[in-house]
C-alpha cells in the first residue's frame, strides 16, 4: 500500500487541498469511523450483529497495533457483511464534492 501525505487548509469558506498524488491514505481509524457512519440506520439480525461486532473489534485491534492492511481487511469483511462496497483505504478527494469536505462533524 502506498502512503501519500495530504494537506488540507481551511480559510473561512475557502478550502484548499494540496496533494502530491490524486489519492490520500485515509487510515484505518478514519475508515472505522466511515464504516460507523455507513452503518447508521441499517438493521441486522442478532447473528449479523454478533459477526459485525467481531469484525469491527478485530479491525480496531489491528489498527491500534498499527497494522493498517489487516485492519482494512477486517473493515472490508464487515462492509461485505453489511452489504456495503469495500474500501481501498484511500481518499479520492477529486471525486468528492467540496460541500462534503467543508462539513463540520456533528459529534
N, C-alpha and C. Protein backbone atom coordinates (compact mmCIF):
# COMPACT_ATOMS: atom_id res chain seq x y z
N UNK A 1 0.84 -1.17 0.00
CA UNK A 1 0.00 0.00 0.00
C UNK A 1 0.89 1.24 0.00
N UNK A 2 0.63 2.16 -0.89
CA UNK A 2 1.44 3.36 -0.99
C UNK A 2 0.82 4.47 -0.16
N UNK A 3 1.63 5.10 0.67
CA UNK A 3 1.13 6.16 1.52
C UNK A 3 1.44 7.51 0.90
N UNK A 4 0.50 8.41 0.95
CA UNK A 4 0.63 9.75 0.41
C UNK A 4 0.22 10.72 1.49
N UNK A 5 0.94 11.78 1.62
CA UNK A 5 0.58 12.80 2.60
C UNK A 5 -0.31 13.85 1.93
N UNK A 6 -1.34 14.29 2.64
CA UNK A 6 -2.24 15.31 2.12
C UNK A 6 -2.26 16.47 3.09
N UNK A 7 -2.43 17.63 2.57
CA UNK A 7 -2.51 18.83 3.38
C UNK A 7 -3.83 19.49 3.06
N UNK A 8 -4.61 19.80 4.09
CA UNK A 8 -5.90 20.46 3.89
C UNK A 8 -5.89 21.73 4.73
N UNK A 9 -6.08 22.85 4.10
CA UNK A 9 -6.10 24.13 4.78
C UNK A 9 -7.47 24.74 4.59
N UNK A 10 -8.13 25.12 5.68
CA UNK A 10 -9.44 25.74 5.58
C UNK A 10 -9.32 27.20 5.98
N UNK A 11 -9.70 28.08 5.09
CA UNK A 11 -9.69 29.52 5.35
C UNK A 11 -11.10 30.04 5.11
N UNK A 12 -11.88 30.19 6.19
CA UNK A 12 -13.27 30.61 6.06
C UNK A 12 -14.02 29.60 5.22
N UNK A 13 -14.59 30.05 4.12
CA UNK A 13 -15.31 29.12 3.24
C UNK A 13 -14.42 28.59 2.13
N UNK A 14 -13.15 29.02 2.12
CA UNK A 14 -12.21 28.58 1.09
C UNK A 14 -11.54 27.30 1.55
N UNK A 15 -11.57 26.29 0.74
CA UNK A 15 -10.93 25.02 1.07
C UNK A 15 -9.88 24.73 0.01
N UNK A 16 -8.65 24.61 0.45
CA UNK A 16 -7.56 24.32 -0.46
C UNK A 16 -7.02 22.95 -0.11
N UNK A 17 -6.96 22.08 -1.08
CA UNK A 17 -6.42 20.75 -0.85
C UNK A 17 -5.21 20.58 -1.75
N UNK A 18 -4.09 20.29 -1.13
CA UNK A 18 -2.86 20.07 -1.87
C UNK A 18 -2.49 18.61 -1.71
N UNK A 19 -2.24 17.95 -2.80
CA UNK A 19 -1.88 16.54 -2.74
C UNK A 19 -0.74 16.28 -3.69
N UNK A 20 0.14 15.39 -3.29
CA UNK A 20 1.25 15.02 -4.15
C UNK A 20 0.81 13.98 -5.17
N UNK A 21 -0.27 13.28 -4.88
CA UNK A 21 -0.88 12.36 -5.82
C UNK A 21 -2.38 12.58 -5.72
N UNK A 22 -3.15 11.89 -6.55
CA UNK A 22 -4.59 12.12 -6.58
C UNK A 22 -5.32 11.49 -5.41
N UNK A 23 -4.73 10.52 -4.76
CA UNK A 23 -5.42 9.86 -3.67
C UNK A 23 -4.58 9.93 -2.41
N UNK A 24 -5.23 9.98 -1.27
CA UNK A 24 -4.56 10.05 0.01
C UNK A 24 -5.03 8.89 0.88
N UNK A 25 -4.15 8.41 1.72
CA UNK A 25 -4.50 7.31 2.60
C UNK A 25 -5.38 7.84 3.72
N UNK A 26 -6.54 7.23 3.87
CA UNK A 26 -7.48 7.67 4.89
C UNK A 26 -7.07 7.17 6.26
N UNK A 27 -6.42 6.02 6.33
CA UNK A 27 -6.03 5.45 7.61
C UNK A 27 -7.13 4.59 8.19
N UNK A 28 -6.72 3.59 8.98
CA UNK A 28 -7.70 2.63 9.48
C UNK A 28 -8.68 3.27 10.47
N UNK A 29 -8.21 4.20 11.29
CA UNK A 29 -9.14 4.81 12.25
C UNK A 29 -10.20 5.63 11.53
N UNK A 30 -9.81 6.31 10.46
CA UNK A 30 -10.79 7.06 9.67
C UNK A 30 -11.75 6.11 8.97
N UNK A 31 -11.24 4.98 8.48
CA UNK A 31 -12.09 4.01 7.80
C UNK A 31 -13.08 3.37 8.78
N UNK A 32 -12.68 3.17 10.03
CA UNK A 32 -13.60 2.63 11.04
C UNK A 32 -14.71 3.63 11.31
N UNK A 33 -14.37 4.92 11.38
CA UNK A 33 -15.40 5.96 11.57
C UNK A 33 -16.34 6.02 10.37
N UNK A 34 -15.79 5.90 9.18
CA UNK A 34 -16.62 5.92 7.96
C UNK A 34 -17.55 4.72 7.96
N UNK A 35 -17.05 3.56 8.38
CA UNK A 35 -17.89 2.36 8.46
C UNK A 35 -19.04 2.60 9.44
N UNK A 36 -18.74 3.20 10.58
CA UNK A 36 -19.79 3.51 11.55
C UNK A 36 -20.86 4.41 10.96
N UNK A 37 -20.43 5.43 10.21
CA UNK A 37 -21.38 6.34 9.55
C UNK A 37 -22.24 5.58 8.53
N UNK A 38 -21.60 4.67 7.79
CA UNK A 38 -22.32 3.92 6.76
C UNK A 38 -23.31 2.92 7.36
N UNK A 39 -23.07 2.49 8.60
CA UNK A 39 -23.96 1.52 9.24
C UNK A 39 -25.16 2.15 9.92
N UNK A 40 -25.15 3.48 10.08
CA UNK A 40 -26.27 4.16 10.74
C UNK A 40 -27.58 3.87 10.02
N UNK A 41 -28.58 3.47 10.77
CA UNK A 41 -29.91 3.23 10.21
C UNK A 41 -30.11 1.85 9.63
N UNK A 42 -29.05 1.06 9.51
CA UNK A 42 -29.20 -0.30 8.98
C UNK A 42 -29.66 -1.23 10.09
N UNK A 43 -30.44 -2.21 9.73
CA UNK A 43 -30.98 -3.18 10.69
C UNK A 43 -30.41 -4.55 10.36
N UNK A 44 -29.91 -5.22 11.42
CA UNK A 44 -29.31 -6.54 11.26
C UNK A 44 -29.94 -7.52 12.23
N UNK A 45 -29.82 -8.80 11.90
CA UNK A 45 -30.28 -9.84 12.82
C UNK A 45 -29.29 -9.94 13.98
N UNK A 46 -29.66 -10.65 15.00
CA UNK A 46 -28.78 -10.83 16.16
C UNK A 46 -27.47 -11.48 15.75
N UNK A 47 -27.56 -12.48 14.89
CA UNK A 47 -26.35 -13.18 14.43
C UNK A 47 -25.46 -12.24 13.61
N UNK A 48 -26.07 -11.45 12.72
CA UNK A 48 -25.30 -10.49 11.92
C UNK A 48 -24.66 -9.44 12.81
N UNK A 49 -25.39 -8.97 13.84
CA UNK A 49 -24.81 -8.01 14.79
C UNK A 49 -23.58 -8.59 15.47
N UNK A 50 -23.68 -9.86 15.86
CA UNK A 50 -22.56 -10.52 16.53
C UNK A 50 -21.35 -10.60 15.60
N UNK A 51 -21.56 -11.05 14.36
CA UNK A 51 -20.47 -11.16 13.39
C UNK A 51 -19.87 -9.79 13.07
N UNK A 52 -20.74 -8.81 12.92
CA UNK A 52 -20.30 -7.45 12.62
C UNK A 52 -19.45 -6.88 13.75
N UNK A 53 -19.89 -7.07 14.98
CA UNK A 53 -19.13 -6.54 16.12
C UNK A 53 -17.77 -7.23 16.24
N UNK A 54 -17.70 -8.53 15.94
CA UNK A 54 -16.42 -9.24 15.97
C UNK A 54 -15.46 -8.67 14.93
N UNK A 55 -15.96 -8.41 13.75
CA UNK A 55 -15.11 -7.88 12.67
C UNK A 55 -14.65 -6.46 12.97
N UNK A 56 -15.53 -5.65 13.53
CA UNK A 56 -15.15 -4.28 13.88
C UNK A 56 -14.13 -4.28 15.01
N UNK A 57 -14.31 -5.14 16.00
CA UNK A 57 -13.36 -5.25 17.10
C UNK A 57 -11.99 -5.69 16.58
N UNK A 58 -11.98 -6.66 15.67
CA UNK A 58 -10.72 -7.11 15.07
C UNK A 58 -10.05 -5.97 14.31
N UNK A 59 -10.85 -5.19 13.57
CA UNK A 59 -10.30 -4.05 12.83
C UNK A 59 -9.69 -3.03 13.79
N UNK A 60 -10.37 -2.75 14.90
CA UNK A 60 -9.85 -1.81 15.88
C UNK A 60 -8.55 -2.31 16.51
N UNK A 61 -8.49 -3.61 16.80
CA UNK A 61 -7.28 -4.18 17.40
C UNK A 61 -6.09 -4.07 16.46
N UNK A 62 -6.29 -4.42 15.20
CA UNK A 62 -5.20 -4.31 14.21
C UNK A 62 -4.80 -2.85 14.02
N UNK A 63 -5.77 -1.97 13.99
CA UNK A 63 -5.49 -0.54 13.82
C UNK A 63 -4.67 -0.02 14.99
N UNK A 64 -5.04 -0.41 16.21
CA UNK A 64 -4.33 0.03 17.40
C UNK A 64 -2.88 -0.45 17.37
N UNK A 65 -2.65 -1.64 16.81
CA UNK A 65 -1.30 -2.18 16.70
C UNK A 65 -0.51 -1.57 15.54
N UNK A 66 -1.21 -0.82 14.69
CA UNK A 66 -0.54 -0.19 13.56
C UNK A 66 -0.50 -1.05 12.30
N UNK A 67 -1.27 -2.11 12.27
CA UNK A 67 -1.31 -2.98 11.09
C UNK A 67 -2.49 -2.57 10.21
N UNK A 68 -2.23 -1.58 9.37
CA UNK A 68 -3.27 -1.00 8.51
C UNK A 68 -3.90 -2.03 7.57
N UNK A 69 -3.06 -2.87 6.98
CA UNK A 69 -3.56 -3.81 5.97
C UNK A 69 -4.55 -4.82 6.58
N UNK A 70 -4.19 -5.40 7.73
CA UNK A 70 -5.09 -6.35 8.38
C UNK A 70 -6.35 -5.65 8.88
N UNK A 71 -6.19 -4.41 9.33
CA UNK A 71 -7.35 -3.65 9.78
C UNK A 71 -8.31 -3.40 8.61
N UNK A 72 -7.78 -3.01 7.47
CA UNK A 72 -8.63 -2.78 6.29
C UNK A 72 -9.29 -4.06 5.82
N UNK A 73 -8.60 -5.20 5.97
CA UNK A 73 -9.22 -6.49 5.62
C UNK A 73 -10.43 -6.75 6.50
N UNK A 74 -10.29 -6.49 7.80
CA UNK A 74 -11.41 -6.70 8.74
C UNK A 74 -12.53 -5.71 8.48
N UNK A 75 -12.18 -4.47 8.14
CA UNK A 75 -13.19 -3.45 7.82
C UNK A 75 -13.97 -3.88 6.58
N UNK A 76 -13.25 -4.37 5.57
CA UNK A 76 -13.92 -4.81 4.34
C UNK A 76 -14.78 -6.05 4.58
N UNK A 77 -14.36 -6.91 5.51
CA UNK A 77 -15.19 -8.07 5.85
C UNK A 77 -16.50 -7.59 6.49
N UNK A 78 -16.41 -6.57 7.35
CA UNK A 78 -17.61 -6.01 7.98
C UNK A 78 -18.48 -5.31 6.93
N UNK A 79 -17.85 -4.57 6.02
CA UNK A 79 -18.60 -3.88 4.97
C UNK A 79 -19.31 -4.89 4.07
N UNK A 80 -18.64 -6.00 3.77
CA UNK A 80 -19.24 -7.05 2.94
C UNK A 80 -20.47 -7.64 3.63
N UNK A 81 -20.34 -7.93 4.92
CA UNK A 81 -21.46 -8.48 5.68
C UNK A 81 -22.65 -7.51 5.69
N UNK A 82 -22.36 -6.20 5.74
CA UNK A 82 -23.42 -5.19 5.79
C UNK A 82 -23.95 -4.84 4.40
N UNK A 83 -23.38 -5.42 3.36
CA UNK A 83 -23.83 -5.13 2.00
C UNK A 83 -23.31 -3.81 1.47
N UNK A 84 -22.16 -3.36 1.98
CA UNK A 84 -21.56 -2.10 1.55
C UNK A 84 -20.38 -2.38 0.61
N UNK A 85 -20.05 -1.42 -0.22
CA UNK A 85 -18.90 -1.56 -1.11
C UNK A 85 -17.62 -1.60 -0.28
N UNK A 86 -16.64 -2.39 -0.71
CA UNK A 86 -15.37 -2.43 0.02
C UNK A 86 -14.60 -1.12 -0.13
N UNK A 87 -13.72 -0.86 0.82
CA UNK A 87 -12.89 0.34 0.79
C UNK A 87 -11.47 -0.04 0.43
N UNK A 88 -10.76 0.88 -0.19
CA UNK A 88 -9.36 0.66 -0.52
C UNK A 88 -8.44 1.31 0.50
N UNK A 89 -9.02 2.12 1.38
CA UNK A 89 -8.21 2.82 2.36
C UNK A 89 -7.66 4.13 1.85
N UNK A 90 -8.06 4.52 0.63
CA UNK A 90 -7.61 5.79 0.08
C UNK A 90 -8.78 6.74 -0.03
N UNK A 91 -8.48 8.01 0.03
CA UNK A 91 -9.49 9.04 -0.08
C UNK A 91 -9.31 9.73 -1.41
N UNK A 92 -10.27 9.60 -2.28
CA UNK A 92 -10.21 10.20 -3.62
C UNK A 92 -10.85 11.57 -3.56
N UNK A 93 -10.09 12.56 -3.17
CA UNK A 93 -10.63 13.90 -2.93
C UNK A 93 -11.12 14.58 -4.20
N UNK A 94 -10.66 14.14 -5.36
CA UNK A 94 -11.09 14.77 -6.60
C UNK A 94 -12.54 14.46 -6.95
N UNK A 95 -13.07 13.35 -6.41
CA UNK A 95 -14.44 12.95 -6.75
C UNK A 95 -15.42 13.18 -5.62
N UNK A 96 -15.04 13.97 -4.62
CA UNK A 96 -15.92 14.30 -3.51
C UNK A 96 -16.29 15.77 -3.64
N UNK A 97 -17.58 16.09 -3.62
CA UNK A 97 -17.99 17.50 -3.74
C UNK A 97 -17.39 18.33 -2.61
N UNK A 98 -17.00 19.55 -2.92
CA UNK A 98 -16.37 20.43 -1.93
C UNK A 98 -17.29 20.69 -0.75
N UNK A 99 -18.61 20.64 -0.97
CA UNK A 99 -19.56 20.84 0.12
C UNK A 99 -19.41 19.75 1.17
N UNK A 100 -19.12 18.52 0.72
CA UNK A 100 -18.93 17.40 1.65
C UNK A 100 -17.65 17.56 2.46
N UNK A 101 -16.60 18.08 1.83
CA UNK A 101 -15.33 18.26 2.53
C UNK A 101 -15.40 19.38 3.56
N UNK A 102 -16.27 20.33 3.34
CA UNK A 102 -16.35 21.50 4.19
C UNK A 102 -17.30 21.34 5.36
N UNK A 103 -17.97 20.18 5.47
CA UNK A 103 -18.92 19.94 6.57
C UNK A 103 -18.20 19.80 7.90
N UNK A 104 -18.80 20.34 8.92
CA UNK A 104 -18.26 20.22 10.27
C UNK A 104 -18.91 19.00 10.92
N UNK A 105 -18.11 18.10 11.52
CA UNK A 105 -18.69 16.92 12.17
C UNK A 105 -19.67 17.32 13.26
N UNK A 106 -20.74 16.56 13.44
CA UNK A 106 -21.76 16.87 14.44
C UNK A 106 -21.72 15.92 15.61
N UNK A 107 -20.52 15.62 16.11
CA UNK A 107 -20.41 14.70 17.25
C UNK A 107 -20.67 15.45 18.52
